[in-house]
Every structure is written in C-alpha cells, then in structure tokens.
C-alpha cells in the first residue's frame, strides 16, 4: 500500500544517511521503525495500583496491630455478616 508522509527535513536527511550507511532503502528503514513502535506499544503494560492513601497517616491506631479477621469483623459489623 502506498502512502505519503510529511517528515521534517532534518529527520529525512538523517534517515537517508542511515539507510545508505546500512545499505538498505528508506522504505525498509521506515518499515522497521514502524514495526518496532507498533510492537512496543502493543505490549500489555504492567498493572500498577494507583496510590490511594488518605493524607498518608496509615491505619488508625486501634487497627494497626489487628489481625485480618478482626479488620474483616469490624468492616462487616452491623451488616449481618
């Protein structure tokens, strides 16, 4: 498929020099670059949990040494759980 690209002159000049040095065509160089960018962008990004702390003070003092069972009991207290 044919398409037209509008490139800045300095970039095109550098690409042509690189293609000549690599003994390849400008077309092959552009294709290689596009394949690289598409592959890089297509990789799934590592999941990162957003920061969700509230004013950075951590747990309330009465919860700091509580077991998970105690935290769960407090969370469900009064909810029939």
N, C-alpha and C. Protein backbone atom coordinates (compact mmCIF):
# COMPACT_ATOMS: atom_id res chain seq x y z
N UNK A 1 0.85 -1.17 0.00
CA UNK A 1 0.00 0.00 0.00
C UNK A 1 0.90 1.23 0.00
N UNK A 2 0.51 2.22 -0.75
CA UNK A 2 1.29 3.45 -0.81
C UNK A 2 0.64 4.49 0.09
N UNK A 3 1.48 5.33 0.65
CA UNK A 3 1.01 6.45 1.47
C UNK A 3 2.03 7.57 1.37
N UNK A 4 1.64 8.73 1.80
CA UNK A 4 2.54 9.87 1.78
C UNK A 4 2.80 10.30 3.21
N UNK A 5 4.05 10.55 3.52
CA UNK A 5 4.43 11.03 4.84
C UNK A 5 5.04 12.41 4.72
N UNK A 6 4.74 13.26 5.67
CA UNK A 6 5.33 14.59 5.73
C UNK A 6 6.30 14.58 6.90
N UNK A 7 7.59 14.56 6.59
CA UNK A 7 8.63 14.49 7.61
C UNK A 7 9.44 15.76 7.64
N UNK A 8 9.93 16.14 8.81
CA UNK A 8 10.83 17.28 8.88
C UNK A 8 12.10 17.00 8.07
N UNK A 9 12.60 17.99 7.37
CA UNK A 9 13.78 17.81 6.52
C UNK A 9 14.97 17.20 7.26
N UNK A 10 15.32 17.69 8.47
CA UNK A 10 16.48 17.10 9.15
C UNK A 10 16.29 15.60 9.45
N UNK A 11 15.07 15.20 9.80
CA UNK A 11 14.81 13.79 10.07
C UNK A 11 14.96 12.96 8.80
N UNK A 12 14.41 13.46 7.71
CA UNK A 12 14.51 12.74 6.44
C UNK A 12 15.97 12.62 6.00
N UNK A 13 16.73 13.67 6.14
CA UNK A 13 18.15 13.63 5.75
C UNK A 13 18.91 12.60 6.60
N UNK A 14 18.63 12.61 7.90
CA UNK A 14 19.30 11.64 8.77
C UNK A 14 18.90 10.22 8.42
N UNK A 15 17.63 10.02 8.11
CA UNK A 15 17.15 8.69 7.75
C UNK A 15 17.78 8.22 6.44
N UNK A 16 17.90 9.10 5.47
CA UNK A 16 18.52 8.73 4.20
C UNK A 16 19.99 8.35 4.40
N UNK A 17 20.70 9.11 5.23
CA UNK A 17 22.11 8.81 5.52
C UNK A 17 22.24 7.46 6.21
N UNK A 18 21.36 7.21 7.16
CA UNK A 18 21.38 5.93 7.87
C UNK A 18 21.08 4.78 6.92
N UNK A 19 20.09 4.95 6.09
CA UNK A 19 19.75 3.90 5.11
C UNK A 19 20.94 3.61 4.20
N UNK A 20 21.63 4.64 3.73
CA UNK A 20 22.80 4.45 2.87
C UNK A 20 23.90 3.72 3.63
N UNK A 21 24.13 4.14 4.86
CA UNK A 21 25.17 3.52 5.68
C UNK A 21 24.86 2.05 5.95
N UNK A 22 23.58 1.75 6.14
CA UNK A 22 23.14 0.38 6.44
C UNK A 22 22.94 -0.46 5.17
N UNK A 23 23.14 0.19 4.01
CA UNK A 23 22.94 -0.48 2.72
C UNK A 23 21.52 -1.05 2.61
N UNK A 24 20.56 -0.20 2.94
CA UNK A 24 19.15 -0.57 2.84
C UNK A 24 18.40 0.60 2.20
N UNK A 25 17.11 0.45 2.07
CA UNK A 25 16.31 1.53 1.48
C UNK A 25 15.64 2.33 2.57
N UNK A 26 15.23 3.52 2.22
CA UNK A 26 14.48 4.35 3.15
C UNK A 26 13.17 3.65 3.52
N UNK A 27 12.56 3.04 2.54
CA UNK A 27 11.32 2.30 2.79
C UNK A 27 11.53 1.21 3.84
N UNK A 28 12.59 0.42 3.70
CA UNK A 28 12.87 -0.65 4.65
C UNK A 28 13.14 -0.08 6.05
N UNK A 29 13.83 1.03 6.11
CA UNK A 29 14.14 1.67 7.38
C UNK A 29 12.86 2.15 8.06
N UNK A 30 11.98 2.80 7.30
CA UNK A 30 10.70 3.27 7.85
C UNK A 30 9.86 2.09 8.32
N UNK A 31 9.82 1.03 7.51
CA UNK A 31 9.04 -0.15 7.88
C UNK A 31 9.56 -0.77 9.18
N UNK A 32 10.88 -0.88 9.29
CA UNK A 32 11.49 -1.43 10.51
C UNK A 32 11.13 -0.57 11.73
N UNK A 33 11.20 0.74 11.56
CA UNK A 33 10.88 1.64 12.66
C UNK A 33 9.42 1.53 13.08
N UNK A 34 8.53 1.48 12.10
CA UNK A 34 7.10 1.35 12.42
C UNK A 34 6.80 0.03 13.11
N UNK A 35 7.42 -1.05 12.61
CA UNK A 35 7.21 -2.36 13.25
C UNK A 35 7.67 -2.33 14.71
N UNK A 36 8.79 -1.69 14.95
CA UNK A 36 9.32 -1.59 16.31
C UNK A 36 8.36 -0.82 17.21
N UNK A 37 7.88 0.32 16.76
CA UNK A 37 6.98 1.15 17.56
C UNK A 37 5.66 0.43 17.81
N UNK A 38 5.10 -0.19 16.78
CA UNK A 38 3.82 -0.90 16.94
C UNK A 38 3.98 -2.05 17.93
N UNK A 39 5.07 -2.80 17.82
CA UNK A 39 5.30 -3.92 18.75
C UNK A 39 5.44 -3.41 20.18
N UNK A 40 6.19 -2.34 20.35
CA UNK A 40 6.42 -1.77 21.68
C UNK A 40 5.11 -1.28 22.30
N UNK A 41 4.30 -0.60 21.52
CA UNK A 41 3.05 -0.04 22.03
C UNK A 41 1.99 -1.13 22.24
N UNK A 42 2.13 -2.26 21.55
CA UNK A 42 1.15 -3.33 21.65
C UNK A 42 1.34 -4.19 22.88
N UNK A 43 2.51 -4.17 23.44
CA UNK A 43 2.76 -4.97 24.65
C UNK A 43 1.85 -4.48 25.77
N UNK A 44 1.32 -5.44 26.50
CA UNK A 44 0.46 -5.03 27.62
C UNK A 44 1.33 -4.44 28.71
N UNK A 45 0.88 -3.38 29.23
CA UNK A 45 1.61 -2.70 30.30
C UNK A 45 1.40 -3.42 31.62
N UNK A 46 2.43 -3.39 32.46
CA UNK A 46 2.33 -3.99 33.78
C UNK A 46 1.28 -3.22 34.59
N UNK A 47 0.42 -3.95 35.27
CA UNK A 47 -0.61 -3.31 36.08
C UNK A 47 0.04 -2.61 37.27
N UNK A 48 -0.35 -1.38 37.50
CA UNK A 48 0.13 -0.63 38.66
C UNK A 48 -1.07 -0.10 39.42
N UNK A 49 -1.14 -0.45 40.68
CA UNK A 49 -2.21 0.02 41.54
C UNK A 49 -1.95 1.49 41.87
N UNK A 50 -2.95 2.31 41.66
CA UNK A 50 -2.77 3.74 41.94
C UNK A 50 -2.65 3.97 43.44
N UNK A 51 -1.97 5.04 43.81
CA UNK A 51 -1.86 5.40 45.22
C UNK A 51 -3.24 5.82 45.71
N UNK A 52 -3.67 5.25 46.81
CA UNK A 52 -4.99 5.55 47.32
C UNK A 52 -4.95 5.84 48.83
N UNK A 53 -3.82 6.30 49.32
CA UNK A 53 -3.73 6.60 50.74
C UNK A 53 -4.47 7.91 51.02
N UNK A 54 -4.90 8.06 52.24
CA UNK A 54 -5.64 9.24 52.63
C UNK A 54 -4.80 10.05 53.60
N UNK A 55 -4.25 11.13 53.13
CA UNK A 55 -3.41 12.05 53.92
C UNK A 55 -2.18 11.36 54.50
N UNK A 56 -1.86 10.15 54.04
CA UNK A 56 -0.63 9.48 54.41
C UNK A 56 -0.44 9.14 55.87
N UNK A 57 -1.52 8.99 56.62
CA UNK A 57 -1.35 8.69 58.03
C UNK A 57 -1.50 7.20 58.37
N UNK A 58 -1.73 6.37 57.38
CA UNK A 58 -1.82 4.93 57.62
C UNK A 58 -3.08 4.54 58.35
N UNK A 59 -3.02 3.37 58.98
CA UNK A 59 -4.19 2.86 59.70
C UNK A 59 -4.43 3.62 61.00
N UNK A 60 -5.67 3.62 61.40
CA UNK A 60 -6.00 4.22 62.70
C UNK A 60 -5.30 3.42 63.78
N UNK A 61 -4.90 4.04 64.88
CA UNK A 61 -4.12 3.35 65.91
C UNK A 61 -4.75 2.05 66.39
N UNK A 62 -6.06 2.03 66.56
CA UNK A 62 -6.72 0.81 67.08
C UNK A 62 -6.73 -0.34 66.06
N UNK A 63 -6.36 -0.06 64.80
CA UNK A 63 -6.36 -1.09 63.76
C UNK A 63 -4.95 -1.54 63.40
N UNK A 64 -3.94 -0.84 63.86
CA UNK A 64 -2.57 -1.09 63.41
C UNK A 64 -2.09 -2.52 63.65
N UNK A 65 -2.41 -3.09 64.80
CA UNK A 65 -1.95 -4.44 65.12
C UNK A 65 -3.06 -5.47 65.00
N UNK A 66 -4.19 -5.09 64.41
CA UNK A 66 -5.32 -6.01 64.30
C UNK A 66 -5.04 -7.08 63.24
N UNK A 67 -5.57 -8.26 63.49
CA UNK A 67 -5.46 -9.34 62.50
C UNK A 67 -6.45 -9.08 61.38
N UNK A 68 -6.25 -9.78 60.26
CA UNK A 68 -7.18 -9.64 59.15
C UNK A 68 -8.59 -10.02 59.58
N UNK A 69 -8.72 -11.04 60.40
CA UNK A 69 -10.04 -11.46 60.87
C UNK A 69 -10.72 -10.33 61.64
N UNK A 70 -9.97 -9.62 62.47
CA UNK A 70 -10.54 -8.51 63.25
C UNK A 70 -10.94 -7.35 62.33
N UNK A 71 -10.11 -7.03 61.36
CA UNK A 71 -10.44 -5.96 60.41
C UNK A 71 -11.71 -6.32 59.65
N UNK A 72 -11.81 -7.59 59.20
CA UNK A 72 -13.00 -8.04 58.48
C UNK A 72 -14.23 -7.98 59.37
N UNK A 73 -14.10 -8.40 60.63
CA UNK A 73 -15.24 -8.35 61.55
C UNK A 73 -15.73 -6.92 61.75
N UNK A 74 -14.80 -5.99 61.89
CA UNK A 74 -15.18 -4.58 62.07
C UNK A 74 -15.84 -4.05 60.80
N UNK A 75 -15.32 -4.42 59.64
CA UNK A 75 -15.87 -3.94 58.36
C UNK A 75 -17.30 -4.41 58.17
N UNK A 76 -17.60 -5.64 58.60
CA UNK A 76 -18.94 -6.20 58.40
C UNK A 76 -19.85 -6.03 59.62
N UNK A 77 -19.35 -5.40 60.64
CA UNK A 77 -20.14 -5.22 61.86
C UNK A 77 -21.45 -4.49 61.55
N UNK A 78 -22.56 -5.07 62.04
CA UNK A 78 -23.88 -4.46 61.83
C UNK A 78 -24.46 -4.69 60.45
N UNK A 79 -23.82 -5.51 59.63
CA UNK A 79 -24.30 -5.76 58.28
C UNK A 79 -24.76 -7.21 58.09
N UNK A 80 -24.95 -7.91 59.15
CA UNK A 80 -25.44 -9.28 59.06
C UNK A 80 -24.40 -10.26 58.60
N UNK A 81 -23.14 -9.87 58.55
CA UNK A 81 -22.09 -10.77 58.06
C UNK A 81 -21.46 -11.43 59.18
